[in-house]
Amino acid sequence: MRAFDQQMREMLQTPGVHSVGLVDWRGGRTLARVGADDRSDDAEAILKAVHGGPLWAVGDLEDMVVTGTDRCLLLAVLDDPDLCLQVWMARDEGNLGYALRRLRRLARTVAVPSPPRPRQDGDLPPRRGGDPARPPARAAASVDRRVLERVLTALRTLSADRPRPDVGVA
């Protein structure tokens, strides 16, 4: 999912683009979005209207551009026909042709994230004795060699078979 988010952020760098989103237009929800908080209702309504038409039936629908007085809505249907990329851009701030070219490239190269599936008992190996999960291992830290040599020298001077002189034996 990180690669997909990165690709969407790169699309957001296109001049005039205010938001980029991945929309499940049949389910009526936005799966991912970067940029402004634009709704996906327009994309859903437009794609539902086009769904019954001849372009959809022959599979020739690649992308669509809907222009308004101040904004443009760019839509690109992905390989999964339930999903589309939605781009809102300011009409007077950017270049529509350039944004459309970048959207097409994003639609061709995007690896659509699969929704997380629920975890099942067979997904993980069995734990020994039902122990709770181990804490994650800490990253190794570098140690100053001189400090390590002093600690090792001090440990070698200790003797385990004779009592320490400052400790009384009862």
C-alpha atoms as a PDB file:
ATOM      1  CA  MET A   1       0.000   0.000   0.000  1.00  0.00           C
ATOM      2  CA  ARG A   2       2.919   2.346   0.591  1.00  0.00           C
ATOM      3  CA  ALA A   3       3.924   2.223  -3.073  1.00  0.00           C
ATOM      4  CA  PHE A   4       0.364   3.063  -4.107  1.00  0.00           C
ATOM      5  CA  ASP A   5       0.211   5.996  -1.681  1.00  0.00           C
ATOM      6  CA  GLN A   6       3.518   7.232  -3.070  1.00  0.00           C
ATOM      7  CA  GLN A   7       2.193   7.048  -6.620  1.00  0.00           C
ATOM      8  CA  MET A   8      -0.882   9.032  -5.596  1.00  0.00           C
ATOM      9  CA  ARG A   9       1.290  11.678  -3.894  1.00  0.00           C
ATOM     10  CA  GLU A  10       3.359  11.991  -7.079  1.00  0.00           C
ATOM     11  CA  MET A  11       0.153  12.539  -9.067  1.00  0.00           C
ATOM     12  CA  LEU A  12      -0.805  15.235  -6.554  1.00  0.00           C
ATOM     13  CA  GLN A  13       2.405  17.102  -7.531  1.00  0.00           C
ATOM     14  CA  THR A  14       0.959  17.688 -11.013  1.00  0.00           C
ATOM     15  CA  PRO A  15       0.173  21.411 -11.450  1.00  0.00           C
ATOM     16  CA  GLY A  16      -3.477  22.163 -10.691  1.00  0.00           C
ATOM     17  CA  VAL A  17      -4.302  18.782  -9.131  1.00  0.00           C
ATOM     18  CA  HIS A  18      -6.001  19.183  -5.758  1.00  0.00           C
ATOM     19  CA  SER A  19      -6.925  15.596  -4.908  1.00  0.00           C
ATOM     20  CA  VAL A  20      -6.360  12.040  -6.078  1.00  0.00           C
ATOM     21  CA  GLY A  21      -8.492   9.160  -4.911  1.00  0.00           C
ATOM     22  CA  LEU A  22      -9.134   5.469  -5.402  1.00  0.00           C
ATOM     23  CA  VAL A  23     -12.889   4.953  -5.534  1.00  0.00           C
ATOM     24  CA  ASP A  24     -14.981   1.803  -5.319  1.00  0.00           C
ATOM     25  CA  TRP A  25     -17.779   3.303  -7.387  1.00  0.00           C
ATOM     26  CA  ARG A  26     -20.145   0.348  -7.068  1.00  0.00           C
ATOM     27  CA  GLY A  27     -19.733   0.150  -3.306  1.00  0.00           C
ATOM     28  CA  GLY A  28     -19.964   3.917  -2.924  1.00  0.00           C
ATOM     29  CA  ARG A  29     -16.810   4.498  -0.917  1.00  0.00           C
ATOM     30  CA  THR A  30     -13.406   6.072  -1.226  1.00  0.00           C
ATOM     31  CA  LEU A  31     -10.655   3.535  -0.495  1.00  0.00           C
ATOM     32  CA  ALA A  32      -7.703   5.948  -0.513  1.00  0.00           C
ATOM     33  CA  ARG A  33      -7.276   9.662  -1.008  1.00  0.00           C
ATOM     34  CA  VAL A  34      -4.535  12.288  -0.887  1.00  0.00           C
ATOM     35  CA  GLY A  35      -5.033  15.998  -1.123  1.00  0.00           C
ATOM     36  CA  ALA A  36      -8.261  17.937  -0.627  1.00  0.00           C
ATOM     37  CA  ASP A  37     -11.319  16.279   0.869  1.00  0.00           C
ATOM     38  CA  ASP A  38     -13.311  15.865  -2.358  1.00  0.00           C
ATOM     39  CA  ARG A  39     -16.331  13.595  -2.447  1.00  0.00           C
ATOM     40  CA  SER A  40     -16.560  10.522  -4.636  1.00  0.00           C
ATOM     41  CA  ASP A  41     -20.306  10.879  -5.285  1.00  0.00           C
ATOM     42  CA  ASP A  42     -19.715  12.471  -8.689  1.00  0.00           C
ATOM     43  CA  ALA A  43     -17.490   9.626  -9.862  1.00  0.00           C
ATOM     44  CA  GLU A  44     -20.029   7.065  -8.682  1.00  0.00           C
ATOM     45  CA  ALA A  45     -22.944   8.762 -10.452  1.00  0.00           C
ATOM     46  CA  ILE A  46     -21.029   9.263 -13.703  1.00  0.00           C
ATOM     47  CA  LEU A  47     -19.687   5.714 -13.869  1.00  0.00           C
ATOM     48  CA  LYS A  48     -23.072   4.204 -12.986  1.00  0.00           C
ATOM     49  CA  ALA A  49     -24.628   6.199 -15.848  1.00  0.00           C
ATOM     50  CA  VAL A  50     -21.938   5.123 -18.321  1.00  0.00           C
ATOM     51  CA  HIS A  51     -21.994   1.497 -17.143  1.00  0.00           C
ATOM     52  CA  GLY A  52     -25.013   0.613 -19.267  1.00  0.00           C
ATOM     53  CA  GLY A  53     -23.706   2.341 -22.396  1.00  0.00           C
ATOM     54  CA  PRO A  54     -21.994   0.952 -25.500  1.00  0.00           C
ATOM     55  CA  LEU A  55     -18.459   2.038 -24.548  1.00  0.00           C
ATOM     56  CA  TRP A  56     -18.606  -0.021 -21.374  1.00  0.00           C
ATOM     57  CA  ALA A  57     -20.084  -3.031 -23.175  1.00  0.00           C
ATOM     58  CA  VAL A  58     -17.198  -3.314 -25.652  1.00  0.00           C
ATOM     59  CA  GLY A  59     -14.556  -2.506 -23.044  1.00  0.00           C
ATOM     60  CA  ASP A  60     -13.255   0.620 -24.788  1.00  0.00           C
ATOM     61  CA  LEU A  61     -13.698   2.947 -21.842  1.00  0.00           C
ATOM     62  CA  GLU A  62     -10.255   4.040 -20.666  1.00  0.00           C
ATOM     63  CA  ASP A  63     -10.807   7.380 -18.985  1.00  0.00           C
ATOM     64  CA  MET A  64     -13.228  10.286 -18.844  1.00  0.00           C
ATOM     65  CA  VAL A  65     -12.955  14.027 -18.358  1.00  0.00           C
ATOM     66  CA  VAL A  66     -15.830  16.092 -17.021  1.00  0.00           C
ATOM     67  CA  THR A  67     -15.264  19.830 -17.006  1.00  0.00           C
ATOM     68  CA  GLY A  68     -17.019  22.435 -14.931  1.00  0.00           C
ATOM     69  CA  THR A  69     -16.639  26.177 -14.837  1.00  0.00           C
ATOM     70  CA  ASP A  70     -13.674  26.067 -12.462  1.00  0.00           C
ATOM     71  CA  ARG A  71     -12.725  22.398 -11.979  1.00  0.00           C
ATOM     72  CA  CYS A  72     -12.152  19.242 -13.980  1.00  0.00           C
ATOM     73  CA  LEU A  73     -12.896  15.708 -12.874  1.00  0.00           C
ATOM     74  CA  LEU A  74     -10.668  13.061 -14.438  1.00  0.00           C
ATOM     75  CA  LEU A  75     -11.656   9.402 -14.079  1.00  0.00           C
ATOM     76  CA  ALA A  76      -9.678   6.327 -15.071  1.00  0.00           C
ATOM     77  CA  VAL A  77     -11.247   2.875 -14.749  1.00  0.00           C
ATOM     78  CA  LEU A  78      -8.761   0.267 -13.501  1.00  0.00           C
ATOM     79  CA  ASP A  79      -8.386  -3.421 -14.370  1.00  0.00           C
ATOM     80  CA  ASP A  80     -10.788  -4.197 -11.552  1.00  0.00           C
ATOM     81  CA  PRO A  81     -13.914  -2.629 -13.116  1.00  0.00           C
ATOM     82  CA  ASP A  82     -15.316  -1.731  -9.682  1.00  0.00           C
ATOM     83  CA  LEU A  83     -12.395   0.631  -9.030  1.00  0.00           C
ATOM     84  CA  CYS A  84     -11.411   3.915 -10.594  1.00  0.00           C
ATOM     85  CA  LEU A  85      -8.939   6.690 -10.000  1.00  0.00           C
ATOM     86  CA  GLN A  86     -10.504  10.094  -9.466  1.00  0.00           C
ATOM     87  CA  VAL A  87      -8.537  13.312  -9.922  1.00  0.00           C
ATOM     88  CA  TRP A  88      -9.885  16.779  -9.221  1.00  0.00           C
ATOM     89  CA  MET A  89      -7.950  19.659 -10.691  1.00  0.00           C
ATOM     90  CA  ALA A  90      -8.427  23.397 -10.933  1.00  0.00           C
ATOM     91  CA  ARG A  91      -9.168  24.268 -14.517  1.00  0.00           C
ATOM     92  CA  ASP A  92      -7.175  27.503 -14.608  1.00  0.00           C
ATOM     93  CA  GLU A  93      -4.141  26.269 -12.602  1.00  0.00           C
ATOM     94  CA  GLY A  94      -3.027  23.238 -14.549  1.00  0.00           C
ATOM     95  CA  ASN A  95      -2.679  21.629 -17.938  1.00  0.00           C
ATOM     96  CA  LEU A  96      -5.494  19.173 -18.613  1.00  0.00           C
ATOM     97  CA  GLY A  97      -3.523  17.208 -21.223  1.00  0.00           C
ATOM     98  CA  TYR A  98      -0.528  16.793 -18.924  1.00  0.00           C
ATOM     99  CA  ALA A  99      -2.709  15.723 -15.994  1.00  0.00           C
ATOM    100  CA  LEU A 100      -4.600  13.259 -18.174  1.00  0.00           C
ATOM    101  CA  ARG A 101      -1.349  11.739 -19.464  1.00  0.00           C
ATOM    102  CA  ARG A 102      -0.070  11.287 -15.883  1.00  0.00           C
ATOM    103  CA  LEU A 103      -3.411   9.782 -14.827  1.00  0.00           C
ATOM    104  CA  ARG A 104      -3.243   7.240 -17.657  1.00  0.00           C
ATOM    105  CA  ARG A 105       0.299   6.296 -16.661  1.00  0.00           C
ATOM    106  CA  LEU A 106      -0.772   5.917 -13.034  1.00  0.00           C
ATOM    107  CA  ALA A 107      -3.753   3.770 -14.053  1.00  0.00           C
ATOM    108  CA  ARG A 108      -1.486   1.475 -16.117  1.00  0.00           C
ATOM    109  CA  THR A 109       1.192   1.048 -13.482  1.00  0.00           C
ATOM    110  CA  VAL A 110      -0.826   1.088 -10.294  1.00  0.00           C
ATOM    111  CA  ALA A 111      -0.803  -2.056  -8.221  1.00  0.00           C
ATOM    112  CA  VAL A 112      -4.229  -1.857  -6.641  1.00  0.00           C
ATOM    113  CA  PRO A 113      -4.021  -2.755  -2.974  1.00  0.00           C
ATOM    114  CA  SER A 114      -6.040  -5.774  -2.005  1.00  0.00           C
ATOM    115  CA  PRO A 115      -8.297  -5.277   0.984  1.00  0.00           C
ATOM    116  CA  PRO A 116      -7.002  -6.940   4.137  1.00  0.00           C
ATOM    117  CA  ARG A 117      -8.578 -10.298   4.729  1.00  0.00           C
ATOM    118  CA  PRO A 118      -9.645 -11.365   8.171  1.00  0.00           C
ATOM    119  CA  ARG A 119      -7.034 -13.361  10.082  1.00  0.00           C
ATOM    120  CA  GLN A 120      -7.805 -17.022  10.522  1.00  0.00           C
ATOM    121  CA  ASP A 121      -6.362 -19.478  13.036  1.00  0.00           C
ATOM    122  CA  GLY A 122      -4.471 -21.360  10.319  1.00  0.00           C
ATOM    123  CA  ASP A 123      -2.575 -18.235   9.187  1.00  0.00           C
ATOM    124  CA  LEU A 124      -0.037 -18.289  12.020  1.00  0.00           C
ATOM    125  CA  PRO A 125       2.187 -21.112  13.242  1.00  0.00           C
ATOM    126  CA  PRO A 126       1.154 -22.593  16.590  1.00  0.00           C
ATOM    127  CA  ARG A 127       2.755 -21.106  19.708  1.00  0.00           C
ATOM    128  CA  ARG A 128       4.520 -23.202  22.269  1.00  0.00           C
ATOM    129  CA  GLY A 129       2.494 -23.647  25.430  1.00  0.00           C
ATOM    130  CA  GLY A 130       0.182 -20.749  24.627  1.00  0.00           C
ATOM    131  CA  ASP A 131       2.802 -18.197  25.690  1.00  0.00           C
ATOM    132  CA  PRO A 132       1.874 -14.572  25.101  1.00  0.00           C
ATOM    133  CA  ALA A 133       3.485 -12.887  22.160  1.00  0.00           C
ATOM    134  CA  ARG A 134       7.146 -12.013  22.569  1.00  0.00           C
ATOM    135  CA  PRO A 135       8.038  -8.364  22.510  1.00  0.00           C
ATOM    136  CA  PRO A 136       9.739  -7.272  19.304  1.00  0.00           C
ATOM    137  CA  ALA A 137      13.515  -7.512  19.264  1.00  0.00           C
ATOM    138  CA  ARG A 138      15.384  -4.264  19.773  1.00  0.00           C
ATOM    139  CA  ALA A 139      17.699  -3.019  17.095  1.00  0.00           C
ATOM    140  CA  ALA A 140      21.391  -3.600  17.761  1.00  0.00           C
ATOM    141  CA  ALA A 141      23.236  -0.523  18.957  1.00  0.00           C
ATOM    142  CA  SER A 142      26.881   0.201  18.364  1.00  0.00           C
ATOM    143  CA  VAL A 143      29.162  -0.116  21.405  1.00  0.00           C
ATOM    144  CA  ASP A 144      32.334   1.822  22.042  1.00  0.00           C
ATOM    145  CA  ARG A 145      35.209  -0.694  21.892  1.00  0.00           C
ATOM    146  CA  ARG A 146      37.098   0.900  24.823  1.00  0.00           C
ATOM    147  CA  VAL A 147      34.054   0.650  27.069  1.00  0.00           C
ATOM    148  CA  LEU A 148      33.551  -2.973  26.091  1.00  0.00           C
ATOM    149  CA  GLU A 149      37.213  -3.832  26.849  1.00  0.00           C
ATOM    150  CA  ARG A 150      36.976  -2.195  30.316  1.00  0.00           C
ATOM    151  CA  VAL A 151      33.821  -4.137  31.126  1.00  0.00           C
ATOM    152  CA  LEU A 152      35.371  -7.420  30.002  1.00  0.00           C
ATOM    153  CA  THR A 153      38.574  -6.743  32.010  1.00  0.00           C
ATOM    154  CA  ALA A 154      36.511  -6.003  35.112  1.00  0.00           C
ATOM    155  CA  LEU A 155      34.508  -9.196  34.637  1.00  0.00           C
ATOM    156  CA  ARG A 156      37.698 -11.277  34.334  1.00  0.00           C
ATOM    157  CA  THR A 157      38.964  -9.985  37.701  1.00  0.00           C
ATOM    158  CA  LEU A 158      35.892 -11.330  39.445  1.00  0.00           C
ATOM    159  CA  SER A 159      36.093 -14.798  40.846  1.00  0.00           C
ATOM    160  CA  ALA A 160      33.033 -16.870  41.531  1.00  0.00           C
ATOM    161  CA  ASP A 161      34.721 -19.514  43.755  1.00  0.00           C
ATOM    162  CA  ARG A 162      35.886 -17.207  46.595  1.00  0.00           C
ATOM    163  CA  PRO A 163      33.724 -14.715  48.523  1.00  0.00           C
ATOM    164  CA  ARG A 164      34.207 -11.019  48.061  1.00  0.00           C
ATOM    165  CA  PRO A 165      36.152  -9.443  50.931  1.00  0.00           C
ATOM    166  CA  ASP A 166      33.647  -6.681  51.660  1.00  0.00           C
ATOM    167  CA  VAL A 167      30.725  -9.079  52.055  1.00  0.00           C
ATOM    168  CA  GLY A 168      30.391 -10.888  55.383  1.00  0.00           C
ATOM    169  CA  VAL A 169      29.643 -14.589  55.460  1.00  0.00           C
ATOM    170  CA  ALA A 170      26.952 -15.627  57.934  1.00  0.00           C
END
